[in-house]
Amino acid sequence: MNFVFITGTAGSGKSTLALSLEGRLHSSEVDVATVNLDPGVLWLPYTPDVDIRDYVNYERMIEEYKLGPNGALVACVDAAVNHVDEMKGELEKLGPDYVLVDTPGQMELFAYRDSGTFIASALSDNNFSVLFLADSLFLNRASDYVAVLLLASSINARFKVPQINCISKVDLLPKELYDRGLLWISDPELLKEAFLAESHDLKTEMSERLLDMLIDIGALGEFIFTSSNTGEGLDDLYAQMQRVHTGGEDR
């Protein structure tokens, strides 16, 4: 089983992408299973094959331990560590080629806690990649996009596995911003010029040095433009998943 953990900024469309990507893999006759790791979600656009909500109860956490909403989410994700073997057993019975894991809406709940990295490693037997998703709103300004690059790099530093970076909802972008975003992705120096044109102060200088470092070590990588509404980018995304997990083969 090849695991792809979908993480990213809040509201970027992780669950919707999981649904669209599931459909894309099915169209290639690839067996796929979905896992929901968000204990607080009330509704999902897909029906998960494995669901953390079957093992931990968000509302009960709030009531029994007198926790706030965020504290209860943290407690649920931490408690899920005790149920990894059970979730893994469910997946082994299904035996899919790919497992799409939809992580909590708040990225920090999964990505920046030890419980998140443990769940990823234990559930997948260390055979996993990360799909980082950012909303196309971050292409409105160069400084916003630089912030996304830093977030993507921090995720890569946390998990230290192959990572596929995507921009979501590109069908909502005006053509001017769409084309400019593609230029920023293909030519980091153009991004740097636009970034410095916004302002120049001490904070900008620090960010500029960080951006220079990312450019120098080639850490920016490629961001795939995707749309769950139109299907744009799903072929490229699946092709990248194949390269990461199977050397380009369908399975």
Protein backbone atom coordinates (compact mmCIF):
# COMPACT_ATOMS: atom_id res chain seq x y z
CA MET A 1 0.00 0.00 0.00
CA ASN A 2 1.25 3.46 -0.97
CA PHE A 3 0.13 6.16 1.46
CA VAL A 4 -0.38 9.81 0.51
CA PHE A 5 -1.04 12.14 3.45
CA ILE A 6 -2.90 15.25 2.32
CA THR A 7 -2.05 18.26 4.46
CA GLY A 8 -2.07 22.00 3.98
CA THR A 9 -3.53 25.33 4.94
CA ALA A 10 -7.00 25.56 6.49
CA GLY A 11 -9.76 25.78 3.89
CA SER A 12 -7.49 24.77 1.02
CA GLY A 13 -9.83 21.96 -0.02
CA LYS A 14 -8.03 18.88 1.28
CA SER A 15 -11.18 16.78 1.63
CA THR A 16 -12.51 17.83 -1.76
CA LEU A 17 -9.17 16.97 -3.34
CA ALA A 18 -9.27 13.58 -1.64
CA LEU A 19 -12.62 12.94 -3.32
CA SER A 20 -11.44 14.14 -6.74
CA LEU A 21 -8.18 12.24 -6.54
CA GLU A 22 -10.01 9.10 -5.46
CA GLY A 23 -12.13 9.38 -8.60
CA ARG A 24 -9.07 9.97 -10.78
CA LEU A 25 -7.38 6.82 -9.49
CA HIS A 26 -10.56 4.79 -9.91
CA SER A 27 -10.71 5.93 -13.55
CA SER A 28 -7.32 4.24 -14.08
CA GLU A 29 -8.64 1.09 -12.41
CA VAL A 30 -6.37 1.64 -9.41
CA ASP A 31 -7.64 0.37 -6.07
CA VAL A 32 -7.76 3.24 -3.59
CA ALA A 33 -8.92 3.67 0.00
CA THR A 34 -9.56 6.89 1.90
CA VAL A 35 -8.81 7.63 5.54
CA ASN A 36 -10.21 10.53 7.54
CA LEU A 37 -7.94 11.71 10.35
CA ASP A 38 -9.96 14.79 11.31
CA PRO A 39 -11.84 13.96 14.54
CA GLY A 40 -13.86 17.16 14.54
CA VAL A 41 -15.19 17.23 11.00
CA LEU A 42 -19.00 17.16 10.78
CA TRP A 43 -19.33 16.36 7.08
CA LEU A 44 -17.10 14.97 4.35
CA PRO A 45 -17.63 14.99 0.58
CA TYR A 46 -16.52 11.35 0.42
CA THR A 47 -17.25 8.26 2.49
CA PRO A 48 -14.01 7.27 4.26
CA ASP A 49 -13.04 3.62 4.33
CA VAL A 50 -11.31 4.22 7.67
CA ASP A 51 -12.45 7.00 9.98
CA ILE A 52 -10.75 8.28 13.13
CA ARG A 53 -14.20 9.25 14.43
CA ASP A 54 -14.92 5.53 14.90
CA TYR A 55 -12.17 5.42 17.52
CA VAL A 56 -12.12 8.81 19.25
CA ASN A 57 -15.08 11.01 20.15
CA TYR A 58 -14.50 14.75 19.83
CA GLU A 59 -17.63 15.84 21.70
CA ARG A 60 -16.94 13.41 24.53
CA MET A 61 -13.44 14.85 24.90
CA ILE A 62 -14.97 18.29 25.38
CA GLU A 63 -17.53 17.10 27.92
CA GLU A 64 -15.40 14.69 29.98
CA TYR A 65 -12.21 16.71 30.14
CA LYS A 66 -13.70 20.24 30.00
CA LEU A 67 -11.63 21.13 26.98
CA GLY A 68 -12.08 23.90 24.47
CA PRO A 69 -12.58 23.10 20.78
CA ASN A 70 -8.88 23.23 19.91
CA GLY A 71 -7.80 21.38 23.02
CA ALA A 72 -10.27 18.60 22.28
CA LEU A 73 -8.94 18.26 18.73
CA VAL A 74 -5.39 17.97 20.04
CA ALA A 75 -6.48 15.37 22.59
CA CYS A 76 -8.29 13.35 19.91
CA VAL A 77 -5.32 13.30 17.55
CA ASP A 78 -3.03 12.28 20.40
CA ALA A 79 -5.49 9.57 21.46
CA ALA A 80 -5.61 8.23 17.91
CA VAL A 81 -2.05 6.95 18.40
CA ASN A 82 -3.57 4.16 20.48
CA HIS A 83 -5.74 3.02 17.57
CA VAL A 84 -3.21 2.94 14.73
CA ASP A 85 -3.06 -0.86 14.70
CA GLU A 86 -6.84 -1.10 14.41
CA MET A 87 -6.97 1.39 11.55
CA LYS A 88 -4.08 -0.38 9.87
CA GLY A 89 -5.92 -3.67 10.20
CA GLU A 90 -8.95 -2.20 8.43
CA LEU A 91 -6.77 -1.09 5.54
CA GLU A 92 -4.98 -4.42 5.27
CA LYS A 93 -8.33 -6.15 4.80
CA LEU A 94 -9.06 -3.81 1.88
CA GLY A 95 -5.59 -4.14 0.37
CA PRO A 96 -5.66 -1.02 -1.85
CA ASP A 97 -2.82 0.14 -4.09
CA TYR A 98 -3.08 3.70 -2.76
CA VAL A 99 -4.34 5.11 0.52
CA LEU A 100 -5.35 8.78 0.56
CA VAL A 101 -5.18 10.14 4.09
CA ASP A 102 -7.16 13.32 4.73
CA THR A 103 -5.54 15.08 7.69
CA PRO A 104 -7.14 17.61 10.10
CA GLY A 105 -8.26 20.94 8.70
CA GLN A 106 -5.89 22.76 11.03
CA MET A 107 -2.50 21.80 9.67
CA GLU A 108 -0.64 22.20 12.94
CA LEU A 109 -2.75 19.51 14.65
CA PHE A 110 -1.16 16.85 12.50
CA ALA A 111 2.00 18.24 10.95
CA TYR A 112 3.65 19.81 13.98
CA ARG A 113 2.88 17.28 16.69
CA ASP A 114 4.81 14.09 17.39
CA SER A 115 1.55 12.16 17.29
CA GLY A 116 1.12 13.17 13.64
CA THR A 117 4.51 11.95 12.50
CA PHE A 118 4.06 8.77 14.54
CA ILE A 119 0.67 8.02 12.98
CA ALA A 120 2.03 8.61 9.48
CA SER A 121 5.00 6.31 10.00
CA ALA A 122 3.17 3.57 11.89
CA LEU A 123 0.07 3.46 9.70
CA SER A 124 2.09 3.25 6.48
CA ASP A 125 5.13 1.25 7.65
CA ASN A 126 7.10 4.31 6.51
CA ASN A 127 5.88 3.97 2.93
CA PHE A 128 4.30 7.36 2.50
CA SER A 129 4.53 10.71 0.80
CA VAL A 130 3.04 14.07 1.71
CA LEU A 131 0.80 16.14 -0.52
CA PHE A 132 0.93 19.78 0.60
CA LEU A 133 -2.03 21.86 -0.53
CA ALA A 134 -2.32 25.66 -0.45
CA ASP A 135 -5.26 27.84 -1.48
CA SER A 136 -4.86 29.84 -4.70
CA LEU A 137 -5.55 32.97 -2.63
CA PHE A 138 -1.87 32.80 -1.71
CA LEU A 139 -1.02 33.82 -5.28
CA ASN A 140 -2.55 37.28 -4.80
CA ARG A 141 0.74 38.72 -3.57
CA ALA A 142 4.34 37.61 -3.80
CA SER A 143 4.73 37.83 -0.03
CA ASP A 144 1.77 35.47 0.42
CA TYR A 145 3.33 32.95 -1.94
CA VAL A 146 6.69 33.20 -0.17
CA ALA A 147 4.86 32.41 3.08
CA VAL A 148 3.41 29.28 1.44
CA LEU A 149 6.88 28.24 0.27
CA LEU A 150 8.14 28.50 3.82
CA LEU A 151 5.18 26.49 5.10
CA ALA A 152 5.78 23.79 2.49
CA SER A 153 9.45 23.65 3.45
CA SER A 154 8.57 23.34 7.13
CA ILE A 155 6.29 20.37 6.35
CA ASN A 156 9.10 18.75 4.39
CA ALA A 157 11.48 19.29 7.30
CA ARG A 158 8.99 17.66 9.67
CA PHE A 159 8.27 14.50 7.71
CA LYS A 160 11.46 14.12 5.63
CA VAL A 161 9.69 12.12 2.90
CA PRO A 162 8.90 12.81 -0.77
CA GLN A 163 6.53 15.75 -0.99
CA ILE A 164 4.20 16.93 -3.75
CA ASN A 165 3.19 20.59 -3.56
CA CYS A 166 -0.11 21.79 -5.02
CA ILE A 167 -2.11 24.98 -5.39
CA SER A 168 -5.87 24.41 -5.14
CA LYS A 169 -8.92 26.16 -6.61
CA VAL A 170 -7.01 27.59 -9.57
CA ASP A 171 -10.29 27.74 -11.53
CA LEU A 172 -11.19 30.70 -9.31
CA LEU A 173 -8.08 32.69 -10.26
CA PRO A 174 -8.29 35.55 -12.76
CA LYS A 175 -6.15 34.73 -15.82
CA GLU A 176 -3.65 37.46 -14.93
CA LEU A 177 -2.96 35.96 -11.50
CA TYR A 178 -2.95 32.43 -12.92
CA ASP A 179 -0.31 33.30 -15.53
CA ARG A 180 1.74 35.29 -13.03
CA GLY A 181 1.68 32.38 -10.59
CA LEU A 182 3.03 30.05 -13.26
CA LEU A 183 5.86 32.52 -13.91
CA TRP A 184 6.72 32.67 -10.20
CA ILE A 185 6.86 28.88 -10.07
CA SER A 186 9.04 28.55 -13.18
CA ASP A 187 11.37 31.48 -12.40
CA PRO A 188 12.12 32.11 -8.70
CA GLU A 189 14.01 35.28 -9.58
CA LEU A 190 10.78 36.84 -10.89
CA LEU A 191 9.14 35.90 -7.62
CA LYS A 192 11.97 37.53 -5.71
CA GLU A 193 11.67 40.73 -7.73
CA ALA A 194 7.93 40.92 -7.08
CA PHE A 195 8.47 40.18 -3.41
CA LEU A 196 11.03 42.94 -2.95
CA ALA A 197 8.86 45.40 -4.87
CA GLU A 198 6.17 45.20 -2.19
CA SER A 199 8.27 46.76 0.58
CA HIS A 200 11.72 46.68 2.07
CA ASP A 201 12.26 46.68 5.80
CA LEU A 202 13.97 44.51 8.40
CA LYS A 203 11.29 41.82 8.28
CA THR A 204 11.43 41.75 4.48
CA GLU A 205 15.20 41.39 4.61
CA MET A 206 14.88 38.33 6.84
CA SER A 207 12.32 36.78 4.50
CA GLU A 208 14.51 37.61 1.51
CA ARG A 209 17.41 35.72 3.04
CA LEU A 210 15.16 32.74 3.72
CA LEU A 211 13.90 32.87 0.13
CA ASP A 212 17.46 33.05 -1.19
CA MET A 213 18.35 30.00 0.87
CA LEU A 214 15.39 28.05 -0.52
CA ILE A 215 16.33 29.04 -4.07
CA ASP A 216 19.99 28.13 -3.56
CA ILE A 217 19.25 24.63 -2.28
CA GLY A 218 16.54 24.04 -4.88
CA ALA A 219 13.88 23.57 -2.24
CA LEU A 220 11.11 25.48 -4.03
CA GLY A 221 10.25 22.57 -6.28
CA GLU A 222 7.21 22.50 -8.51
CA PHE A 223 3.71 23.49 -7.42
CA ILE A 224 1.02 21.70 -9.40
CA PHE A 225 -2.01 23.85 -10.19
CA THR A 226 -5.16 21.88 -9.36
CA SER A 227 -8.91 22.30 -9.40
CA SER A 228 -11.27 19.76 -7.90
CA ASN A 229 -14.12 21.43 -9.83
CA THR A 230 -12.61 21.17 -13.33
CA GLY A 231 -10.15 18.33 -12.77
CA GLU A 232 -7.20 20.48 -13.81
CA GLY A 233 -3.88 19.14 -12.56
CA LEU A 234 -5.20 15.76 -11.41
CA ASP A 235 -3.40 13.91 -14.21
CA ASP A 236 -0.14 15.67 -13.32
CA LEU A 237 -0.72 14.95 -9.64
CA TYR A 238 -1.35 11.26 -10.26
CA ALA A 239 1.72 11.07 -12.51
CA GLN A 240 3.83 12.60 -9.75
CA MET A 241 2.42 10.10 -7.23
CA GLN A 242 3.39 7.29 -9.59
CA ARG A 243 6.93 8.60 -9.91
CA VAL A 244 7.26 8.86 -6.13
CA HIS A 245 5.76 5.51 -5.22
CA THR A 246 6.02 3.13 -8.17
CA GLY A 247 8.61 4.55 -10.53
CA GLY A 248 5.94 5.65 -12.99
CA GLU A 249 3.88 2.46 -13.11
CA ASP A 250 0.12 2.45 -12.54
CA ARG A 251 0.54 0.29 -9.44
